[in-house]
Amino acid sequence: MDLNLSYSYATIPPLFADLGDFHLQMNNTNVSLTGMVHHDEEDNWASNISGFAFDSLPLWITFDSVSDFGHVWGYVATYIGNVIVERVMSISDYVNEVKGYYKI
């Protein structure tokens, strides 16, 4: 997935201002979810997730901007994003069967 956006902002009072391009690159991401959902006449929902797999290469977020502040945000966002991706990948290794029952 590649996402490109142009942005600009200015704070009031004008302490911070920037304009530039935002780029999110997340390649080779695979998500697989296997399960079953059952609904009965009494509005009860039963879900059975029997398999969950998530795999991705590290993502990269860049802010190509006028100020150095955008570059700092790019590094911070890349780090946080990769921590979240790694946590989701590790969770998918341990999920075997999760059941939930909900009444609407």
Protein backbone atom coordinates (compact mmCIF):
# COMPACT_ATOMS: atom_id res chain seq x y z
CA MET A 1 0.00 0.00 0.00
CA ASP A 2 1.32 3.41 -0.92
CA LEU A 3 -0.44 6.54 0.31
CA ASN A 4 0.65 10.03 -0.72
CA LEU A 5 -0.88 13.25 0.62
CA SER A 6 0.04 16.91 0.47
CA TYR A 7 -0.41 18.94 3.64
CA SER A 8 0.01 22.39 5.11
CA TYR A 9 -0.66 23.79 8.56
CA ALA A 10 -0.13 26.88 10.67
CA THR A 11 -0.86 27.28 14.35
CA ILE A 12 -2.54 30.28 15.92
CA PRO A 13 -0.49 32.18 17.02
CA PRO A 14 1.86 31.32 14.16
CA LEU A 15 4.50 29.47 16.16
CA PHE A 16 4.58 26.42 13.90
CA ALA A 17 3.96 26.30 10.18
CA ASP A 18 4.83 23.71 7.58
CA LEU A 19 3.88 22.40 4.18
CA GLY A 20 4.96 19.32 2.34
CA ASP A 21 4.10 15.78 1.30
CA PHE A 22 3.24 12.78 3.46
CA HIS A 23 4.11 9.29 2.23
CA LEU A 24 3.13 5.97 3.84
CA GLN A 25 4.64 2.81 2.40
CA MET A 26 3.50 -0.59 3.68
CA ASN A 27 4.44 -3.42 1.35
CA ASN A 28 3.75 -7.16 1.41
CA THR A 29 1.05 -7.04 4.08
CA ASN A 30 -1.00 -10.22 4.49
CA VAL A 31 -4.03 -10.59 6.76
CA SER A 32 -5.95 -13.82 7.12
CA LEU A 33 -8.96 -14.33 9.40
CA THR A 34 -10.87 -17.60 9.59
CA GLY A 35 -14.01 -18.00 11.63
CA MET A 36 -17.76 -18.33 11.87
CA VAL A 37 -20.52 -16.01 13.06
CA HIS A 38 -23.94 -17.32 14.15
CA HIS A 39 -27.07 -15.24 14.78
CA ASP A 40 -30.29 -16.61 16.30
CA GLU A 41 -33.88 -15.38 16.67
CA GLU A 42 -33.17 -13.72 20.05
CA ASP A 43 -30.52 -11.38 18.60
CA ASN A 44 -27.65 -13.35 20.09
CA TRP A 45 -24.44 -13.34 18.12
CA ALA A 46 -21.82 -16.04 18.54
CA SER A 47 -18.43 -15.72 16.91
CA ASN A 48 -15.70 -18.29 16.67
CA ILE A 49 -12.34 -17.14 15.35
CA SER A 50 -10.30 -20.19 14.55
CA GLY A 51 -7.39 -18.59 12.77
CA PHE A 52 -5.73 -15.19 12.57
CA ALA A 53 -2.51 -14.41 10.74
CA PHE A 54 -0.84 -11.08 10.08
CA ASP A 55 2.45 -10.60 8.31
CA SER A 56 4.08 -7.45 6.96
CA LEU A 57 7.38 -5.96 6.04
CA PRO A 58 8.36 -2.89 8.08
CA LEU A 59 6.45 0.23 7.14
CA TRP A 60 8.00 3.58 6.32
CA ILE A 61 6.44 7.00 6.92
CA THR A 62 8.04 10.16 5.54
CA PHE A 63 7.19 13.83 5.70
CA ASP A 64 8.93 15.68 2.88
CA SER A 65 8.50 19.15 4.30
CA VAL A 66 9.99 22.61 4.53
CA SER A 67 10.80 22.37 8.25
CA ASP A 68 12.85 19.83 10.15
CA PHE A 69 9.88 19.24 12.43
CA GLY A 70 8.26 17.10 9.71
CA HIS A 71 11.32 14.86 9.53
CA VAL A 72 11.22 14.29 13.30
CA TRP A 73 7.53 13.35 13.08
CA GLY A 74 8.34 10.97 10.24
CA TYR A 75 10.93 9.09 12.30
CA VAL A 76 8.66 8.96 15.36
CA ALA A 77 5.63 7.79 13.33
CA THR A 78 7.73 5.12 11.57
CA TYR A 79 9.02 3.79 14.89
CA ILE A 80 5.57 3.69 16.54
CA GLY A 81 3.99 2.16 13.43
CA ASN A 82 6.59 -0.61 13.29
CA VAL A 83 6.14 -1.38 17.00
CA ILE A 84 2.38 -1.76 16.43
CA VAL A 85 2.94 -3.95 13.34
CA GLU A 86 5.35 -6.20 15.27
CA ARG A 87 2.89 -6.54 18.18
CA VAL A 88 0.04 -7.52 15.86
CA MET A 89 2.30 -10.06 14.14
CA SER A 90 3.27 -11.56 17.51
CA ILE A 91 -0.38 -11.72 18.63
CA SER A 92 -1.30 -13.57 15.45
CA ASP A 93 1.23 -16.28 16.38
CA TYR A 94 -0.62 -17.09 19.63
CA VAL A 95 -4.29 -16.86 18.62
CA ASN A 96 -5.78 -20.31 18.25
CA GLU A 97 -9.41 -19.93 19.15
CA VAL A 98 -11.28 -16.95 20.55
CA LYS A 99 -15.00 -17.04 21.29
CA GLY A 100 -17.32 -14.17 22.05
CA TYR A 101 -21.05 -13.94 22.71
CA TYR A 102 -22.90 -10.67 22.26
CA LYS A 103 -26.50 -9.59 22.69
CA ILE A 104 -27.71 -6.57 20.77
